[in-house]
PDB file of N, CA and C in Angstrom:
ATOM      1  N   MET A   1       0.852  -1.175   0.000  1.00  0.00           N
ATOM      2  CA  MET A   1       0.000   0.000   0.000  1.00  0.00           C
ATOM      3  C   MET A   1       0.891   1.228   0.000  1.00  0.00           C
ATOM      4  N   ARG A   2       0.595   2.167  -0.875  1.00  0.00           N
ATOM      5  CA  ARG A   2       1.383   3.380  -1.002  1.00  0.00           C
ATOM      6  C   ARG A   2       0.712   4.508  -0.235  1.00  0.00           C
ATOM      7  N   LEU A   3       1.492   5.312   0.438  1.00  0.00           N
ATOM      8  CA  LEU A   3       0.960   6.445   1.178  1.00  0.00           C
ATOM      9  C   LEU A   3       1.102   7.694   0.332  1.00  0.00           C
ATOM     10  N   VAL A   4       0.033   8.480   0.278  1.00  0.00           N
ATOM     11  CA  VAL A   4       0.068   9.730  -0.473  1.00  0.00           C
ATOM     12  C   VAL A   4      -0.489  10.857   0.374  1.00  0.00           C
ATOM     13  N   ARG A   5      -0.065  12.056   0.056  1.00  0.00           N
ATOM     14  CA  ARG A   5      -0.596  13.211   0.748  1.00  0.00           C
ATOM     15  C   ARG A   5      -1.882  13.641   0.047  1.00  0.00           C
ATOM     16  N   PHE A   6      -2.939  13.971   0.802  1.00  0.00           N
ATOM     17  CA  PHE A   6      -4.231  14.299   0.223  1.00  0.00           C
ATOM     18  C   PHE A   6      -4.213  15.596  -0.559  1.00  0.00           C
ATOM     19  N   ALA A   7      -3.570  16.596  -0.079  1.00  0.00           N
ATOM     20  CA  ALA A   7      -3.533  17.879  -0.775  1.00  0.00           C
ATOM     21  C   ALA A   7      -2.253  18.592  -0.389  1.00  0.00           C
ATOM     22  N   SER A   8      -1.907  19.615  -1.142  1.00  0.00           N
ATOM     23  CA  SER A   8      -0.656  20.318  -0.876  1.00  0.00           C
ATOM     24  C   SER A   8      -0.651  20.986   0.491  1.00  0.00           C
ATOM     25  N   TRP A   9      -1.832  21.340   1.010  1.00  0.00           N
ATOM     26  CA  TRP A   9      -1.908  21.995   2.312  1.00  0.00           C
ATOM     27  C   TRP A   9      -1.931  20.983   3.461  1.00  0.00           C
ATOM     28  N   ALA A  10      -2.138  19.721   3.158  1.00  0.00           N
ATOM     29  CA  ALA A  10      -2.233  18.707   4.212  1.00  0.00           C
ATOM     30  C   ALA A  10      -0.846  18.346   4.725  1.00  0.00           C
ATOM     31  N   THR A  11      -0.743  18.138   6.015  1.00  0.00           N
ATOM     32  CA  THR A  11       0.534  17.785   6.603  1.00  0.00           C
ATOM     33  C   THR A  11       0.583  16.333   7.030  1.00  0.00           C
ATOM     34  N   HIS A  12      -0.536  15.633   6.910  1.00  0.00           N
ATOM     35  CA  HIS A  12      -0.566  14.228   7.296  1.00  0.00           C
ATOM     36  C   HIS A  12      -0.626  13.337   6.059  1.00  0.00           C
ATOM     37  N   TRP A  13      -0.263  12.092   6.247  1.00  0.00           N
ATOM     38  CA  TRP A  13      -0.275  11.131   5.158  1.00  0.00           C
ATOM     39  C   TRP A  13      -1.353  10.105   5.431  1.00  0.00           C
ATOM     40  N   SER A  14      -1.909   9.572   4.372  1.00  0.00           N
ATOM     41  CA  SER A  14      -2.981   8.607   4.520  1.00  0.00           C
ATOM     42  C   SER A  14      -2.821   7.514   3.472  1.00  0.00           C
ATOM     43  N   ALA A  15      -3.390   6.344   3.755  1.00  0.00           N
ATOM     44  CA  ALA A  15      -3.339   5.236   2.810  1.00  0.00           C
ATOM     45  C   ALA A  15      -4.424   5.436   1.764  1.00  0.00           C
ATOM     46  N   ALA A  16      -4.066   6.101   0.695  1.00  0.00           N
ATOM     47  CA  ALA A  16      -5.013   6.344  -0.395  1.00  0.00           C
ATOM     48  C   ALA A  16      -4.213   6.508  -1.677  1.00  0.00           C
ATOM     49  N   THR A  17      -4.849   6.281  -2.775  1.00  0.00           N
ATOM     50  CA  THR A  17      -4.194   6.462  -4.059  1.00  0.00           C
ATOM     51  C   THR A  17      -4.649   7.792  -4.653  1.00  0.00           C
ATOM     52  N   PRO A  18      -3.890   8.354  -5.566  1.00  0.00           N
ATOM     53  CA  PRO A  18      -4.340   9.588  -6.228  1.00  0.00           C
ATOM     54  C   PRO A  18      -5.692   9.403  -6.914  1.00  0.00           C
ATOM     55  N   ASP A  19      -5.974   8.199  -7.411  1.00  0.00           N
ATOM     56  CA  ASP A  19      -7.265   7.941  -8.044  1.00  0.00           C
ATOM     57  C   ASP A  19      -8.405   8.090  -7.050  1.00  0.00           C
ATOM     58  N   ASP A  20      -8.183   7.699  -5.797  1.00  0.00           N
ATOM     59  CA  ASP A  20      -9.216   7.850  -4.766  1.00  0.00           C
ATOM     60  C   ASP A  20      -9.544   9.320  -4.554  1.00  0.00           C
ATOM     61  N   ILE A  21      -8.534  10.153  -4.580  1.00  0.00           N
ATOM     62  CA  ILE A  21      -8.728  11.570  -4.348  1.00  0.00           C
ATOM     63  C   ILE A  21      -9.457  12.215  -5.528  1.00  0.00           C
ATOM     64  N   VAL A  22      -9.019  11.907  -6.741  1.00  0.00           N
ATOM     65  CA  VAL A  22      -9.622  12.495  -7.937  1.00  0.00           C
ATOM     66  C   VAL A  22     -11.060  12.025  -8.109  1.00  0.00           C
ATOM     67  N   SER A  23     -11.344  10.754  -7.783  1.00  0.00           N
ATOM     68  CA  SER A  23     -12.684  10.222  -8.019  1.00  0.00           C
ATOM     69  C   SER A  23     -13.745  10.896  -7.155  1.00  0.00           C
ATOM     70  N   LYS A  24     -13.343  11.550  -6.079  1.00  0.00           N
ATOM     71  CA  LYS A  24     -14.300  12.241  -5.224  1.00  0.00           C
ATOM     72  C   LYS A  24     -14.708  13.591  -5.808  1.00  0.00           C
ATOM     73  N   SER A  25     -14.000  14.041  -6.832  1.00  0.00           N
ATOM     74  CA  SER A  25     -14.285  15.323  -7.448  1.00  0.00           C
ATOM     75  C   SER A  25     -15.345  15.184  -8.526  1.00  0.00           C
ATOM     76  N   THR A  26     -16.114  16.240  -8.703  1.00  0.00           N
ATOM     77  CA  THR A  26     -17.102  16.295  -9.766  1.00  0.00           C
ATOM     78  C   THR A  26     -16.536  17.162 -10.884  1.00  0.00           C
ATOM     79  N   PHE A  27     -16.536  16.634 -12.086  1.00  0.00           N
ATOM     80  CA  PHE A  27     -15.961  17.336 -13.220  1.00  0.00           C
ATOM     81  C   PHE A  27     -17.040  17.962 -14.087  1.00  0.00           C
ATOM     82  N   ASN A  28     -16.670  19.087 -14.679  1.00  0.00           N
ATOM     83  CA  ASN A  28     -17.526  19.803 -15.630  1.00  0.00           C
ATOM     84  C   ASN A  28     -16.880  19.748 -17.001  1.00  0.00           C
ATOM     85  N   LEU A  29     -17.694  19.671 -18.021  1.00  0.00           N
ATOM     86  CA  LEU A  29     -17.237  19.841 -19.385  1.00  0.00           C
ATOM     87  C   LEU A  29     -17.553  21.282 -19.760  1.00  0.00           C
ATOM     88  N   TYR A  30     -16.607  21.970 -20.370  1.00  0.00           N
ATOM     89  CA  TYR A  30     -16.840  23.364 -20.732  1.00  0.00           C
ATOM     90  C   TYR A  30     -16.391  23.630 -22.164  1.00  0.00           C
ATOM     91  N   ILE A  31     -17.006  24.633 -22.752  1.00  0.00           N
ATOM     92  CA  ILE A  31     -16.611  25.107 -24.080  1.00  0.00           C
ATOM     93  C   ILE A  31     -16.313  26.596 -23.959  1.00  0.00           C
ATOM     94  N   VAL A  32     -15.159  26.994 -24.473  1.00  0.00           N
ATOM     95  CA  VAL A  32     -14.703  28.381 -24.432  1.00  0.00           C
ATOM     96  C   VAL A  32     -14.690  28.925 -25.855  1.00  0.00           C
ATOM     97  N   ARG A  33     -15.147  30.163 -26.010  1.00  0.00           N
ATOM     98  CA  ARG A  33     -15.048  30.850 -27.300  1.00  0.00           C
ATOM     99  C   ARG A  33     -13.894  31.843 -27.200  1.00  0.00           C
ATOM    100  N   CYS A  34     -13.012  31.775 -28.176  1.00  0.00           N
ATOM    101  CA  CYS A  34     -11.864  32.679 -28.227  1.00  0.00           C
ATOM    102  C   CYS A  34     -12.245  33.958 -28.969  1.00  0.00           C
ATOM    103  N   ALA A  35     -11.398  34.964 -28.860  1.00  0.00           N
ATOM    104  CA  ALA A  35     -11.651  36.245 -29.527  1.00  0.00           C
ATOM    105  C   ALA A  35     -11.742  36.075 -31.043  1.00  0.00           C
ATOM    106  N   ASP A  36     -11.018  35.094 -31.592  1.00  0.00           N
ATOM    107  CA  ASP A  36     -11.065  34.869 -33.044  1.00  0.00           C
ATOM    108  C   ASP A  36     -12.224  33.970 -33.462  1.00  0.00           C
ATOM    109  N   GLY A  37     -13.078  33.588 -32.495  1.00  0.00           N
ATOM    110  CA  GLY A  37     -14.265  32.796 -32.799  1.00  0.00           C
ATOM    111  C   GLY A  37     -14.072  31.300 -32.705  1.00  0.00           C
ATOM    112  N   THR A  38     -12.853  30.832 -32.520  1.00  0.00           N
ATOM    113  CA  THR A  38     -12.633  29.397 -32.394  1.00  0.00           C
ATOM    114  C   THR A  38     -13.180  28.890 -31.070  1.00  0.00           C
ATOM    115  N   LEU A  39     -13.488  27.596 -31.032  1.00  0.00           N
ATOM    116  CA  LEU A  39     -14.042  26.964 -29.838  1.00  0.00           C
ATOM    117  C   LEU A  39     -13.037  25.986 -29.262  1.00  0.00           C
ATOM    118  N   TYR A  40     -12.961  25.934 -27.939  1.00  0.00           N
ATOM    119  CA  TYR A  40     -12.080  25.016 -27.230  1.00  0.00           C
ATOM    120  C   TYR A  40     -12.908  24.257 -26.204  1.00  0.00           C
ATOM    121  N   THR A  41     -12.736  22.945 -26.141  1.00  0.00           N
ATOM    122  CA  THR A  41     -13.462  22.099 -25.197  1.00  0.00           C
ATOM    123  C   THR A  41     -12.490  21.529 -24.180  1.00  0.00           C
ATOM    124  N   GLY A  42     -12.900  21.521 -22.914  1.00  0.00           N
ATOM    125  CA  GLY A  42     -12.061  20.957 -21.869  1.00  0.00           C
ATOM    126  C   GLY A  42     -12.897  20.477 -20.701  1.00  0.00           C
ATOM    127  N   ILE A  43     -12.217  19.894 -19.700  1.00  0.00           N
ATOM    128  CA  ILE A  43     -12.878  19.458 -18.469  1.00  0.00           C
ATOM    129  C   ILE A  43     -12.129  20.041 -17.275  1.00  0.00           C
ATOM    130  N   ALA A  44     -12.853  20.276 -16.202  1.00  0.00           N
ATOM    131  CA  ALA A  44     -12.241  20.819 -14.986  1.00  0.00           C
ATOM    132  C   ALA A  44     -13.198  20.645 -13.816  1.00  0.00           C
ATOM    133  N   THR A  45     -12.655  20.635 -12.613  1.00  0.00           N
ATOM    134  CA  THR A  45     -13.493  20.605 -11.415  1.00  0.00           C
ATOM    135  C   THR A  45     -13.986  22.005 -11.085  1.00  0.00           C
ATOM    136  N   ASP A  46     -13.182  23.008 -11.384  1.00  0.00           N
ATOM    137  CA  ASP A  46     -13.537  24.408 -11.156  1.00  0.00           C
ATOM    138  C   ASP A  46     -13.306  25.164 -12.463  1.00  0.00           C
ATOM    139  N   VAL A  47     -14.362  25.399 -13.200  1.00  0.00           N
ATOM    140  CA  VAL A  47     -14.256  25.979 -14.541  1.00  0.00           C
ATOM    141  C   VAL A  47     -13.693  27.399 -14.498  1.00  0.00           C
ATOM    142  N   ASN A  48     -14.109  28.208 -13.551  1.00  0.00           N
ATOM    143  CA  ASN A  48     -13.604  29.587 -13.468  1.00  0.00           C
ATOM    144  C   ASN A  48     -12.109  29.617 -13.159  1.00  0.00           C
ATOM    145  N   LYS A  49     -11.669  28.736 -12.285  1.00  0.00           N
ATOM    146  CA  LYS A  49     -10.249  28.650 -11.967  1.00  0.00           C
ATOM    147  C   LYS A  49      -9.467  28.200 -13.195  1.00  0.00           C
ATOM    148  N   ARG A  50     -10.014  27.229 -13.918  1.00  0.00           N
ATOM    149  CA  ARG A  50      -9.351  26.730 -15.126  1.00  0.00           C
ATOM    150  C   ARG A  50      -9.275  27.819 -16.196  1.00  0.00           C
ATOM    151  N   LEU A  51     -10.329  28.605 -16.330  1.00  0.00           N
ATOM    152  CA  LEU A  51     -10.314  29.715 -17.291  1.00  0.00           C
ATOM    153  C   LEU A  51      -9.211  30.704 -16.938  1.00  0.00           C
ATOM    154  N   ALA A  52      -9.071  30.998 -15.656  1.00  0.00           N
ATOM    155  CA  ALA A  52      -8.008  31.906 -15.210  1.00  0.00           C
ATOM    156  C   ALA A  52      -6.632  31.325 -15.549  1.00  0.00           C
ATOM    157  N   GLU A  53      -6.457  30.009 -15.411  1.00  0.00           N
ATOM    158  CA  GLU A  53      -5.191  29.370 -15.778  1.00  0.00           C
ATOM    159  C   GLU A  53      -4.944  29.490 -17.278  1.00  0.00           C
ATOM    160  N   HIS A  54      -5.991  29.311 -18.068  1.00  0.00           N
ATOM    161  CA  HIS A  54      -5.852  29.447 -19.521  1.00  0.00           C
ATOM    162  C   HIS A  54      -5.441  30.868 -19.896  1.00  0.00           C
ATOM    163  N   GLU A  55      -6.014  31.862 -19.228  1.00  0.00           N
ATOM    164  CA  GLU A  55      -5.765  33.257 -19.582  1.00  0.00           C
ATOM    165  C   GLU A  55      -4.414  33.779 -19.133  1.00  0.00           C
ATOM    166  N   SER A  56      -3.889  33.248 -18.028  1.00  0.00           N
ATOM    167  CA  SER A  56      -2.704  33.902 -17.490  1.00  0.00           C
ATOM    168  C   SER A  56      -1.531  33.000 -17.157  1.00  0.00           C
ATOM    169  N   GLY A  57      -1.761  31.748 -16.927  1.00  0.00           N
ATOM    170  CA  GLY A  57      -0.675  30.939 -16.411  1.00  0.00           C
ATOM    171  C   GLY A  57      -0.062  29.985 -17.405  1.00  0.00           C
ATOM    172  N   PRO A  58       1.074  29.418 -17.020  1.00  0.00           N
ATOM    173  CA  PRO A  58       1.733  28.429 -17.868  1.00  0.00           C
ATOM    174  C   PRO A  58       0.966  27.098 -17.919  1.00  0.00           C
ATOM    175  N   ARG A  59      -0.018  26.930 -17.036  1.00  0.00           N
ATOM    176  CA  ARG A  59      -0.808  25.705 -17.015  1.00  0.00           C
ATOM    177  C   ARG A  59      -1.958  25.732 -18.025  1.00  0.00           C
ATOM    178  N   GLY A  60      -2.122  26.834 -18.721  1.00  0.00           N
ATOM    179  CA  GLY A  60      -3.175  26.948 -19.715  1.00  0.00           C
ATOM    180  C   GLY A  60      -2.851  26.153 -20.971  1.00  0.00           C
ATOM    181  N   ALA A  61      -3.873  25.813 -21.736  1.00  0.00           N
ATOM    182  CA  ALA A  61      -3.689  25.066 -22.980  1.00  0.00           C
ATOM    183  C   ALA A  61      -2.934  25.906 -24.008  1.00  0.00           C
ATOM    184  N   LYS A  62      -2.002  25.283 -24.705  1.00  0.00           N
ATOM    185  CA  LYS A  62      -1.226  25.994 -25.726  1.00  0.00           C
ATOM    186  C   LYS A  62      -2.126  26.545 -26.827  1.00  0.00           C
ATOM    187  N   PHE A  63      -3.184  25.810 -27.146  1.00  0.00           N
ATOM    188  CA  PHE A  63      -4.109  26.239 -28.198  1.00  0.00           C
ATOM    189  C   PHE A  63      -4.685  27.618 -27.909  1.00  0.00           C
ATOM    190  N   LEU A  64      -4.872  27.945 -26.632  1.00  0.00           N
ATOM    191  CA  LEU A  64      -5.538  29.192 -26.252  1.00  0.00           C
ATOM    192  C   LEU A  64      -4.595  30.380 -26.089  1.00  0.00           C
ATOM    193  N   ARG A  65      -3.306  30.152 -26.144  1.00  0.00           N
ATOM    194  CA  ARG A  65      -2.355  31.246 -25.959  1.00  0.00           C
ATOM    195  C   ARG A  65      -2.463  32.253 -27.096  1.00  0.00           C
ATOM    196  N   GLY A  66      -2.651  33.503 -26.725  1.00  0.00           N
ATOM    197  CA  GLY A  66      -2.752  34.571 -27.706  1.00  0.00           C
ATOM    198  C   GLY A  66      -4.121  34.667 -28.369  1.00  0.00           C
ATOM    199  N   ARG A  67      -5.098  33.914 -27.891  1.00  0.00           N
ATOM    200  CA  ARG A  67      -6.427  33.933 -28.492  1.00  0.00           C
ATOM    201  C   ARG A  67      -7.456  34.629 -27.610  1.00  0.00           C
ATOM    202  N   GLY A  68      -7.005  35.315 -26.551  1.00  0.00           N
ATOM    203  CA  GLY A  68      -7.916  35.968 -25.625  1.00  0.00           C
ATOM    204  C   GLY A  68      -8.504  37.235 -26.194  1.00  0.00           C
ATOM    205  N   PRO A  69      -9.516  37.785 -25.557  1.00  0.00           N
ATOM    206  CA  PRO A  69     -10.123  37.292 -24.324  1.00  0.00           C
ATOM    207  C   PRO A  69     -10.978  36.047 -24.573  1.00  0.00           C
ATOM    208  N   LEU A  70     -11.060  35.225 -23.523  1.00  0.00           N
ATOM    209  CA  LEU A  70     -11.793  33.969 -23.586  1.00  0.00           C
ATOM    210  C   LEU A  70     -13.132  34.122 -22.882  1.00  0.00           C
ATOM    211  N   GLU A  71     -14.136  33.410 -23.388  1.00  0.00           N
ATOM    212  CA  GLU A  71     -15.477  33.466 -22.808  1.00  0.00           C
ATOM    213  C   GLU A  71     -16.025  32.050 -22.673  1.00  0.00           C
ATOM    214  N   ILE A  72     -16.464  31.699 -21.470  1.00  0.00           N
ATOM    215  CA  ILE A  72     -17.110  30.403 -21.270  1.00  0.00           C
ATOM    216  C   ILE A  72     -18.523  30.502 -21.832  1.00  0.00           C
ATOM    217  N   ILE A  73     -18.808  29.665 -22.831  1.00  0.00           N
ATOM    218  CA  ILE A  73     -20.141  29.714 -23.441  1.00  0.00           C
ATOM    219  C   ILE A  73     -20.975  28.488 -23.095  1.00  0.00           C
ATOM    220  N   PHE A  74     -20.341  27.475 -22.471  1.00  0.00           N
ATOM    221  CA  PHE A  74     -21.071  26.267 -22.090  1.00  0.00           C
ATOM    222  C   PHE A  74     -20.333  25.593 -20.950  1.00  0.00           C
ATOM    223  N   SER A  75     -21.094  25.111 -19.967  1.00  0.00           N
ATOM    224  CA  SER A  75     -20.527  24.342 -18.869  1.00  0.00           C
ATOM    225  C   SER A  75     -21.611  23.448 -18.300  1.00  0.00           C
ATOM    226  N   GLU A  76     -21.268  22.170 -18.105  1.00  0.00           N
ATOM    227  CA  GLU A  76     -22.230  21.227 -17.550  1.00  0.00           C
ATOM    228  C   GLU A  76     -21.499  20.170 -16.739  1.00  0.00           C
ATOM    229  N   VAL A  77     -22.070  19.813 -15.596  1.00  0.00           N
ATOM    230  CA  VAL A  77     -21.504  18.764 -14.744  1.00  0.00           C
ATOM    231  C   VAL A  77     -21.659  17.428 -15.459  1.00  0.00           C
ATOM    232  N   VAL A  78     -20.565  16.661 -15.531  1.00  0.00           N
ATOM    233  CA  VAL A  78     -20.618  15.381 -16.226  1.00  0.00           C
ATOM    234  C   VAL A  78     -20.215  14.194 -15.358  1.00  0.00           C
ATOM    235  N   GLY A  79     -19.831  14.431 -14.105  1.00  0.00           N
ATOM    236  CA  GLY A  79     -19.535  13.311 -13.211  1.00  0.00           C
ATOM    237  C   GLY A  79     -18.069  13.198 -12.869  1.00  0.00           C
ATOM    238  N   ASP A  80     -17.593  11.957 -12.768  1.00  0.00           N
ATOM    239  CA  ASP A  80     -16.207  11.718 -12.368  1.00  0.00           C
ATOM    240  C   ASP A  80     -15.261  11.970 -13.546  1.00  0.00           C
ATOM    241  N   ARG A  81     -13.964  11.864 -13.286  1.00  0.00           N
ATOM    242  CA  ARG A  81     -12.965  12.178 -14.305  1.00  0.00           C
ATOM    243  C   ARG A  81     -13.091  11.277 -15.532  1.00  0.00           C
ATOM    244  N   SER A  82     -13.351  10.008 -15.316  1.00  0.00           N
ATOM    245  CA  SER A  82     -13.472   9.069 -16.428  1.00  0.00           C
ATOM    246  C   SER A  82     -14.634   9.441 -17.340  1.00  0.00           C
ATOM    247  N   SER A  83     -15.788   9.697 -16.769  1.00  0.00           N
ATOM    248  CA  SER A  83     -16.957  10.095 -17.556  1.00  0.00           C
ATOM    249  C   SER A  83     -16.703  11.416 -18.276  1.00  0.00           C
ATOM    250  N   ALA A  84     -16.058  12.338 -17.582  1.00  0.00           N
ATOM    251  CA  ALA A  84     -15.766  13.645 -18.176  1.00  0.00           C
ATOM    252  C   ALA A  84     -14.808  13.511 -19.358  1.00  0.00           C
ATOM    253  N   SER A  85     -13.790  12.687 -19.225  1.00  0.00           N
ATOM    254  CA  SER A  85     -12.830  12.495 -20.306  1.00  0.00           C
ATOM    255  C   SER A  85     -13.490  11.858 -21.523  1.00  0.00           C
ATOM    256  N   GLN A  86     -14.362  10.896 -21.286  1.00  0.00           N
ATOM    257  CA  GLN A  86     -15.077  10.260 -22.391  1.00  0.00           C
ATOM    258  C   GLN A  86     -15.989  11.256 -23.096  1.00  0.00           C
ATOM    259  N   MET A  87     -16.689  12.073 -22.319  1.00  0.00           N
ATOM    260  CA  MET A  87     -17.585  13.056 -22.918  1.00  0.00           C
ATOM    261  C   MET A  87     -16.792  14.127 -23.655  1.00  0.00           C
ATOM    262  N   GLU A  88     -15.663  14.530 -23.098  1.00  0.00           N
ATOM    263  CA  GLU A  88     -14.807  15.513 -23.764  1.00  0.00           C
ATOM    264  C   GLU A  88     -14.364  14.984 -25.130  1.00  0.00           C
ATOM    265  N   TYR A  89     -13.982  13.722 -25.191  1.00  0.00           N
ATOM    266  CA  TYR A  89     -13.572  13.109 -26.447  1.00  0.00           C
ATOM    267  C   TYR A  89     -14.705  13.169 -27.472  1.00  0.00           C
ATOM    268  N   ARG A  90     -15.920  12.854 -27.030  1.00  0.00           N
ATOM    269  CA  ARG A  90     -17.068  12.873 -27.936  1.00  0.00           C
ATOM    270  C   ARG A  90     -17.365  14.280 -28.446  1.00  0.00           C
ATOM    271  N   VAL A  91     -17.303  15.260 -27.554  1.00  0.00           N
ATOM    272  CA  VAL A  91     -17.593  16.639 -27.955  1.00  0.00           C
ATOM    273  C   VAL A  91     -16.499  17.161 -28.886  1.00  0.00           C
ATOM    274  N   LYS A  92     -15.257  16.817 -28.635  1.00  0.00           N
ATOM    275  CA  LYS A  92     -14.168  17.286 -29.496  1.00  0.00           C
ATOM    276  C   LYS A  92     -14.279  16.708 -30.901  1.00  0.00           C
ATOM    277  N   ARG A  93     -14.970  15.603 -31.059  1.00  0.00           N
ATOM    278  CA  ARG A  93     -15.175  15.009 -32.384  1.00  0.00           C
ATOM    279  C   ARG A  93     -16.313  15.681 -33.153  1.00  0.00           C
ATOM    280  N   LEU A  94     -17.105  16.493 -32.476  1.00  0.00           N
ATOM    281  CA  LEU A  94     -18.196  17.194 -33.152  1.00  0.00           C
ATOM    282  C   LEU A  94     -17.644  18.310 -34.027  1.00  0.00           C
ATOM    283  N   ASN A  95     -18.368  18.628 -35.086  1.00  0.00           N
ATOM    284  CA  ASN A  95     -17.956  19.776 -35.888  1.00  0.00           C
ATOM    285  C   ASN A  95     -18.477  21.053 -35.218  1.00  0.00           C
ATOM    286  N   ARG A  96     -18.096  22.187 -35.752  1.00  0.00           N
ATOM    287  CA  ARG A  96     -18.448  23.478 -35.143  1.00  0.00           C
ATOM    288  C   ARG A  96     -19.961  23.663 -35.013  1.00  0.00           C
ATOM    289  N   ALA A  97     -20.712  23.328 -36.047  1.00  0.00           N
ATOM    290  CA  ALA A  97     -22.172  23.495 -36.023  1.00  0.00           C
ATOM    291  C   ALA A  97     -22.797  22.633 -34.926  1.00  0.00           C
ATOM    292  N   GLN A  98     -22.299  21.420 -34.760  1.00  0.00           N
ATOM    293  CA  GLN A  98     -22.825  20.534 -33.721  1.00  0.00           C
ATOM    294  C   GLN A  98     -22.489  21.061 -32.325  1.00  0.00           C
ATOM    295  N   LYS A  99     -21.302  21.617 -32.157  1.00  0.00           N
ATOM    296  CA  LYS A  99     -20.934  22.196 -30.864  1.00  0.00           C
ATOM    297  C   LYS A  99     -21.808  23.405 -30.541  1.00  0.00           C
ATOM    298  N   LEU A 100     -22.061  24.233 -31.547  1.00  0.00           N
ATOM    299  CA  LEU A 100     -22.911  25.407 -31.322  1.00  0.00           C
ATOM    300  C   LEU A 100     -24.353  24.994 -31.016  1.00  0.00           C
ATOM    301  N   ALA A 101     -24.826  23.911 -31.621  1.00  0.00           N
ATOM    302  CA  ALA A 101     -26.161  23.393 -31.302  1.00  0.00           C
ATOM    303  C   ALA A 101     -26.214  22.946 -29.843  1.00  0.00           C
ATOM    304  N   LEU A 102     -25.141  22.372 -29.364  1.00  0.00           N
ATOM    305  CA  LEU A 102     -25.045  21.970 -27.957  1.00  0.00           C
ATOM    306  C   LEU A 102     -25.079  23.203 -27.059  1.00  0.00           C
ATOM    307  N   VAL A 103     -24.327  24.229 -27.416  1.00  0.00           N
ATOM    308  CA  VAL A 103     -24.274  25.466 -26.639  1.00  0.00           C
ATOM    309  C   VAL A 103     -25.641  26.148 -26.597  1.00  0.00           C
ATOM    310  N   GLU A 104     -26.324  26.167 -27.725  1.00  0.00           N
ATOM    311  CA  GLU A 104     -27.623  26.841 -27.822  1.00  0.00           C
ATOM    312  C   GLU A 104     -28.772  26.012 -27.255  1.00  0.00           C
ATOM    313  N   GLY A 105     -28.502  24.795 -26.849  1.00  0.00           N
ATOM    314  CA  GLY A 105     -29.526  23.966 -26.235  1.00  0.00           C
ATOM    315  C   GLY A 105     -30.346  23.139 -27.207  1.00  0.00           C
ATOM    316  N   HIS A 106     -29.949  23.114 -28.481  1.00  0.00           N
ATOM    317  CA  HIS A 106     -30.675  22.316 -29.467  1.00  0.00           C
ATOM    318  C   HIS A 106     -30.351  20.829 -29.358  1.00  0.00           C
ATOM    319  N   SER A 107     -29.228  20.507 -28.731  1.00  0.00           N
ATOM    320  CA  SER A 107     -28.873  19.117 -28.444  1.00  0.00           C
ATOM    321  C   SER A 107     -28.341  19.053 -27.027  1.00  0.00           C
ATOM    322  N   LYS A 108     -28.239  17.839 -26.486  1.00  0.00           N
ATOM    323  CA  LYS A 108     -27.826  17.657 -25.098  1.00  0.00           C
ATOM    324  C   LYS A 108     -26.640  16.709 -25.021  1.00  0.00           C
ATOM    325  N   LEU A 109     -25.840  16.891 -23.975  1.00  0.00           N
ATOM    326  CA  LEU A 109     -24.706  15.996 -23.761  1.00  0.00           C
ATOM    327  C   LEU A 109     -25.171  14.556 -23.610  1.00  0.00           C
ATOM    328  N   ALA A 110     -26.278  14.353 -22.937  1.00  0.00           N
ATOM    329  CA  ALA A 110     -26.782  13.002 -22.699  1.00  0.00           C
ATOM    330  C   ALA A 110     -27.106  12.277 -24.000  1.00  0.00           C
ATOM    331  N   ASP A 111     -27.373  13.041 -25.062  1.00  0.00           N
ATOM    332  CA  ASP A 111     -27.700  12.443 -26.353  1.00  0.00           C
ATOM    333  C   ASP A 111     -26.459  11.970 -27.112  1.00  0.00           C
ATOM    334  N   LEU A 112     -25.285  12.351 -26.644  1.00  0.00           N
ATOM    335  CA  LEU A 112     -24.055  11.992 -27.343  1.00  0.00           C
ATOM    336  C   LEU A 112     -23.599  10.597 -26.933  1.00  0.00           C
ATOM    337  N   GLU A 113     -23.959   9.638 -27.684  1.00  0.00           N
ATOM    338  CA  GLU A 113     -23.455   8.283 -27.493  1.00  0.00           C
ATOM    339  C   GLU A 113     -22.277   8.101 -28.434  1.00  0.00           C
ATOM    340  N   ALA A 114     -21.424   7.174 -28.127  1.00  0.00           N
ATOM    341  CA  ALA A 114     -20.223   6.968 -28.932  1.00  0.00           C
ATOM    342  C   ALA A 114     -20.547   6.728 -30.404  1.00  0.00           C
ATOM    343  N   ASN A 115     -21.660   6.064 -30.682  1.00  0.00           N
ATOM    344  CA  ASN A 115     -21.985   5.749 -32.067  1.00  0.00           C
ATOM    345  C   ASN A 115     -22.822   6.842 -32.739  1.00  0.00           C
ATOM    346  N   GLN A 116     -23.193   7.897 -32.014  1.00  0.00           N
ATOM    347  CA  GLN A 116     -24.013   8.958 -32.590  1.00  0.00           C
ATOM    348  C   GLN A 116     -23.209  10.131 -33.106  1.00  0.00           C
ATOM    349  N   VAL A 117     -21.921  10.177 -32.781  1.00  0.00           N
ATOM    350  CA  VAL A 117     -21.099  11.304 -33.203  1.00  0.00           C
ATOM    351  C   VAL A 117     -20.829  11.164 -34.696  1.00  0.00           C
ATOM    352  N   VAL A 118     -21.179  12.210 -35.431  1.00  0.00           N
ATOM    353  CA  VAL A 118     -21.036  12.196 -36.875  1.00  0.00           C
ATOM    354  C   VAL A 118     -19.832  13.019 -37.252  1.00  0.00           C
ATOM    355  N   GLU A 119     -18.935  12.407 -37.992  1.00  0.00           N
ATOM    356  CA  GLU A 119     -17.763  13.138 -38.462  1.00  0.00           C
ATOM    357  C   GLU A 119     -18.024  13.641 -39.863  1.00  0.00           C
ATOM    358  N   GLU A 120     -17.850  14.928 -40.056  1.00  0.00           N
ATOM    359  CA  GLU A 120     -18.058  15.545 -41.359  1.00  0.00           C
ATOM    360  C   GLU A 120     -16.862  16.400 -41.682  1.00  0.00           C
ATOM    361  N   ASP A 121     -16.650  16.637 -42.963  1.00  0.00           N
ATOM    362  CA  ASP A 121     -15.576  17.546 -43.369  1.00  0.00           C
ATOM    363  C   ASP A 121     -15.926  18.950 -42.958  1.00  0.00           C
ATOM    364  N   CYS A 122     -14.940  19.688 -42.546  1.00  0.00           N
ATOM    365  CA  CYS A 122     -15.155  21.079 -42.114  1.00  0.00           C
ATOM    366  C   CYS A 122     -14.891  22.047 -43.258  1.00  0.00           C
ATOM    367  N   ALA A 123     -14.921  21.569 -44.468  1.00  0.00           N
ATOM    368  CA  ALA A 123     -14.610  22.407 -45.633  1.00  0.00           C
ATOM    369  C   ALA A 123     -15.645  23.446 -45.916  1.00  0.00           C
TER     370      ALA A 123
END
């Protein structure tokens, strides 16, 4: 059994794995619109904190560097990290029109099954 520290502020050690700690978190899927109109999809436990990291810190996605100001146009709770990662993959496979339909409420995340994602040319 490996001992890990629960958080950076914690001074005690406990018998837990990093997966145990992460699984207790609730993840959100979010879509950000950049100043140039491009869309970026990601997951985070705290979307506002993640947006701040994208805008100012080295922990932000490289894709978003120099594309500010950024605006969160969609955010929805999707569950644990595994579910969030799977949903993020499905949303990233959508074309721009499908993502905007999701943002505008014409489609729902729950409707995105692995076999329902349609890949089309973006030409």
